[in-house]
Amino acid sequence: MNRTTTTSAESRTQHERREHGIDVSRLREVGKNLGEQIEEQAHKRPYVVIGAAAGIGFVAGSLFGSRLGQMLLAAGLGYLAKHLVAGDIDVERLREKLEEISGERSTAE
């Protein structure tokens, strides 16, 4: 890799960091390794993982089990459905952006 390519990659990384306020490359790296890390922690500390899952389930159940949570969920799904049907949300563009963020650009392009 030559110096010009390295410099442009570094400046692009710095720009992403300044633009979003977070280190996007680090976030991508963590996202790629998340499944492996969860599996490793499940083997090392099974009770902690079970407790965390129970806690998340309790919070989600409390939120979506309440009338307020159900109304918010229904309103959010209704809003999403309305904009999908109206064509305001381009599903293909959304998929491309998610692939771009995750760094999993398809090789067919």
Protein backbone atom coordinates (compact mmCIF):
# COMPACT_ATOMS: atom_id res chain seq x y z
CA MET A 1 0.00 0.00 0.00
CA ASN A 2 1.50 3.32 -0.97
CA ARG A 3 1.59 6.44 1.14
CA THR A 4 -1.13 8.27 -0.84
CA THR A 5 -3.63 5.44 -0.38
CA THR A 6 -2.86 5.21 3.33
CA THR A 7 -3.24 8.96 3.76
CA SER A 8 -6.59 9.06 1.94
CA ALA A 9 -7.87 6.11 3.98
CA GLU A 10 -6.75 7.80 7.20
CA SER A 11 -8.38 11.09 6.21
CA ARG A 12 -11.60 9.26 5.25
CA THR A 13 -11.58 7.55 8.66
CA GLN A 14 -11.00 10.88 10.40
CA HIS A 15 -13.85 12.42 8.39
CA GLU A 16 -16.22 9.59 9.38
CA ARG A 17 -15.18 10.01 13.00
CA ARG A 18 -15.82 13.76 12.93
CA GLU A 19 -19.03 13.47 10.93
CA HIS A 20 -20.78 10.99 13.20
CA GLY A 21 -19.05 11.65 16.48
CA ILE A 22 -18.07 7.99 16.83
CA ASP A 23 -15.35 5.76 15.44
CA VAL A 24 -17.28 4.01 12.66
CA SER A 25 -14.47 1.60 11.80
CA ARG A 26 -14.32 0.41 15.41
CA LEU A 27 -18.10 0.03 15.44
CA ARG A 28 -17.93 -2.12 12.29
CA GLU A 29 -15.22 -4.30 13.85
CA VAL A 30 -17.25 -4.83 17.01
CA GLY A 31 -20.35 -5.63 14.96
CA LYS A 32 -18.54 -8.28 12.96
CA ASN A 33 -17.27 -10.00 16.12
CA LEU A 34 -20.44 -9.65 18.19
CA GLY A 35 -21.73 -13.20 17.65
CA GLU A 36 -18.39 -14.74 18.54
CA GLN A 37 -18.09 -12.58 21.65
CA ILE A 38 -21.57 -13.51 22.85
CA GLU A 39 -20.85 -17.20 22.33
CA GLU A 40 -17.52 -16.90 24.15
CA GLN A 41 -19.15 -15.12 27.09
CA ALA A 42 -21.93 -17.74 27.18
CA HIS A 43 -19.28 -20.43 27.66
CA LYS A 44 -17.24 -18.45 30.20
CA ARG A 45 -20.10 -16.93 32.23
CA PRO A 46 -23.38 -18.75 31.52
CA TYR A 47 -25.23 -17.34 34.53
CA VAL A 48 -24.38 -13.77 33.61
CA VAL A 49 -25.63 -14.31 30.05
CA ILE A 50 -28.85 -15.92 31.35
CA GLY A 51 -29.33 -13.01 33.75
CA ALA A 52 -28.76 -10.45 31.00
CA ALA A 53 -31.22 -12.24 28.70
CA ALA A 54 -33.78 -12.37 31.50
CA GLY A 55 -33.29 -8.68 32.22
CA ILE A 56 -33.70 -7.73 28.57
CA GLY A 57 -36.78 -9.94 28.35
CA PHE A 58 -38.24 -8.36 31.48
CA VAL A 59 -37.73 -4.84 30.18
CA ALA A 60 -39.11 -5.70 26.72
CA GLY A 61 -42.08 -7.51 28.24
CA SER A 62 -42.81 -4.63 30.58
CA LEU A 63 -42.55 -2.10 27.79
CA PHE A 64 -44.58 -3.97 25.19
CA GLY A 65 -46.93 -5.48 27.76
CA SER A 66 -48.10 -2.07 28.89
CA ARG A 67 -50.73 -0.06 27.07
CA LEU A 68 -48.26 2.72 26.40
CA GLY A 69 -45.72 0.31 24.93
CA GLN A 70 -48.36 -1.33 22.76
CA MET A 71 -49.57 2.07 21.51
CA LEU A 72 -46.02 3.14 20.68
CA LEU A 73 -45.36 -0.14 18.87
CA ALA A 74 -48.62 0.11 16.91
CA ALA A 75 -47.94 3.75 16.01
CA GLY A 76 -44.40 2.97 14.89
CA LEU A 77 -45.46 -0.01 12.79
CA GLY A 78 -48.35 2.00 11.31
CA TYR A 79 -46.00 4.85 10.42
CA LEU A 80 -43.54 2.44 8.80
CA ALA A 81 -46.28 0.62 6.85
CA LYS A 82 -47.80 3.91 5.64
CA HIS A 83 -44.47 5.14 4.29
CA LEU A 84 -43.58 1.78 2.76
CA VAL A 85 -46.89 1.66 0.88
CA ALA A 86 -46.60 5.30 -0.19
CA GLY A 87 -43.13 4.61 -1.55
CA ASP A 88 -41.43 7.14 0.72
CA ILE A 89 -39.08 4.47 2.05
CA ASP A 90 -36.97 2.85 -0.64
CA VAL A 91 -36.30 -0.67 0.63
CA GLU A 92 -33.53 -1.30 -1.91
CA ARG A 93 -31.71 1.90 -0.93
CA LEU A 94 -32.10 1.01 2.74
CA ARG A 95 -30.61 -2.45 2.08
CA GLU A 96 -27.68 -0.90 0.20
CA LYS A 97 -26.99 1.53 3.05
CA LEU A 98 -27.05 -1.30 5.61
CA GLU A 99 -24.62 -3.29 3.48
CA GLU A 100 -22.39 -0.24 3.14
CA ILE A 101 -22.36 0.34 6.88
CA SER A 102 -21.65 -3.30 7.66
CA GLY A 103 -18.96 -3.50 4.98
CA GLU A 104 -20.69 -6.42 3.29
CA ARG A 105 -21.03 -4.96 -0.18
CA SER A 106 -22.12 -7.66 -2.61
CA THR A 107 -19.49 -8.81 -5.13
CA ALA A 108 -21.96 -8.60 -8.04
CA GLU A 109 -21.56 -4.80 -8.18
